[in-house]
Amino acid sequence: MRSPRIAMPQRKPRNPFVAASRRRKAGAHRAGGGTRRQRAQAALRREVLALPPDKPSP
């Protein structure tokens, strides 16, 4: 004679977004250090190019 089967409760399905967020950098949404330096350097270059040219000395 076979023993009666026991009904096991189903596990809750995993959230598919959690695995993706754990693989990438999760946290503050802002530019990294390299990006900030590059933007600052470009802004400085624009400011320097906007300056009037030097007058020659007499």
C-alpha atoms as a PDB file:
ATOM      1  CA  MET A   1       0.000   0.000   0.000  1.00  0.00           C
ATOM      2  CA  ARG A   2       1.250   3.495  -0.860  1.00  0.00           C
ATOM      3  CA  SER A   3       1.513   6.214   1.714  1.00  0.00           C
ATOM      4  CA  PRO A   4      -0.708   9.240   1.103  1.00  0.00           C
ATOM      5  CA  ARG A   5       0.960  12.204  -0.548  1.00  0.00           C
ATOM      6  CA  ILE A   6       1.455  15.249   1.611  1.00  0.00           C
ATOM      7  CA  ALA A   7       0.597  18.560  -0.029  1.00  0.00           C
ATOM      8  CA  MET A   8       3.526  20.944   0.412  1.00  0.00           C
ATOM      9  CA  PRO A   9       2.773  24.663   0.252  1.00  0.00           C
ATOM     10  CA  GLN A  10       4.160  26.424  -2.824  1.00  0.00           C
ATOM     11  CA  ARG A  11       7.082  28.782  -2.291  1.00  0.00           C
ATOM     12  CA  LYS A  12       6.587  32.436  -3.027  1.00  0.00           C
ATOM     13  CA  PRO A  13       8.110  33.264  -6.459  1.00  0.00           C
ATOM     14  CA  ARG A  14      11.301  35.308  -6.470  1.00  0.00           C
ATOM     15  CA  ASN A  15      11.219  38.959  -7.431  1.00  0.00           C
ATOM     16  CA  PRO A  16      13.034  39.147 -10.817  1.00  0.00           C
ATOM     17  CA  PHE A  17      14.121  42.757 -10.210  1.00  0.00           C
ATOM     18  CA  VAL A  18      16.101  41.963  -7.069  1.00  0.00           C
ATOM     19  CA  ALA A  19      18.653  39.772  -8.844  1.00  0.00           C
ATOM     20  CA  ALA A  20      19.281  42.451 -11.484  1.00  0.00           C
ATOM     21  CA  SER A  21      19.688  45.218  -8.926  1.00  0.00           C
ATOM     22  CA  ARG A  22      22.142  43.180  -6.858  1.00  0.00           C
ATOM     23  CA  ARG A  23      24.387  42.638  -9.889  1.00  0.00           C
ATOM     24  CA  ARG A  24      24.734  46.299 -10.797  1.00  0.00           C
ATOM     25  CA  LYS A  25      25.763  49.205  -8.629  1.00  0.00           C
ATOM     26  CA  ALA A  26      22.707  50.059  -6.595  1.00  0.00           C
ATOM     27  CA  GLY A  27      22.674  53.243  -4.585  1.00  0.00           C
ATOM     28  CA  ALA A  28      22.806  56.961  -5.165  1.00  0.00           C
ATOM     29  CA  HIS A  29      21.991  57.967  -8.730  1.00  0.00           C
ATOM     30  CA  ARG A  30      24.757  60.408  -9.503  1.00  0.00           C
ATOM     31  CA  ALA A  31      27.747  60.599 -11.777  1.00  0.00           C
ATOM     32  CA  GLY A  32      30.990  58.955 -10.737  1.00  0.00           C
ATOM     33  CA  GLY A  33      34.203  60.810  -9.923  1.00  0.00           C
ATOM     34  CA  GLY A  34      35.626  60.566 -13.432  1.00  0.00           C
ATOM     35  CA  THR A  35      32.506  62.000 -14.997  1.00  0.00           C
ATOM     36  CA  ARG A  36      32.425  64.924 -12.569  1.00  0.00           C
ATOM     37  CA  ARG A  37      36.099  65.734 -13.224  1.00  0.00           C
ATOM     38  CA  GLN A  38      35.564  65.556 -16.985  1.00  0.00           C
ATOM     39  CA  ARG A  39      32.566  67.897 -16.829  1.00  0.00           C
ATOM     40  CA  ALA A  40      34.459  70.338 -14.592  1.00  0.00           C
ATOM     41  CA  GLN A  41      37.395  70.337 -17.002  1.00  0.00           C
ATOM     42  CA  ALA A  42      35.092  71.017 -19.979  1.00  0.00           C
ATOM     43  CA  ALA A  43      33.388  73.858 -18.092  1.00  0.00           C
ATOM     44  CA  LEU A  44      36.770  75.416 -17.266  1.00  0.00           C
ATOM     45  CA  ARG A  45      37.850  75.133 -20.901  1.00  0.00           C
ATOM     46  CA  ARG A  46      34.643  76.913 -22.014  1.00  0.00           C
ATOM     47  CA  GLU A  47      35.278  79.703 -19.492  1.00  0.00           C
ATOM     48  CA  VAL A  48      38.876  80.171 -20.670  1.00  0.00           C
ATOM     49  CA  LEU A  49      37.820  80.272 -24.323  1.00  0.00           C
ATOM     50  CA  ALA A  50      35.153  82.873 -23.477  1.00  0.00           C
ATOM     51  CA  LEU A  51      37.759  85.264 -22.000  1.00  0.00           C
ATOM     52  CA  PRO A  52      38.835  88.176 -24.216  1.00  0.00           C
ATOM     53  CA  PRO A  53      42.252  87.753 -25.826  1.00  0.00           C
ATOM     54  CA  ASP A  54      45.256  89.318 -24.114  1.00  0.00           C
ATOM     55  CA  LYS A  55      46.392  92.720 -25.327  1.00  0.00           C
ATOM     56  CA  PRO A  56      50.026  92.874 -26.459  1.00  0.00           C
ATOM     57  CA  SER A  57      52.283  94.862 -24.127  1.00  0.00           C
ATOM     58  CA  PRO A  58      53.800  98.127 -25.559  1.00  0.00           C
END
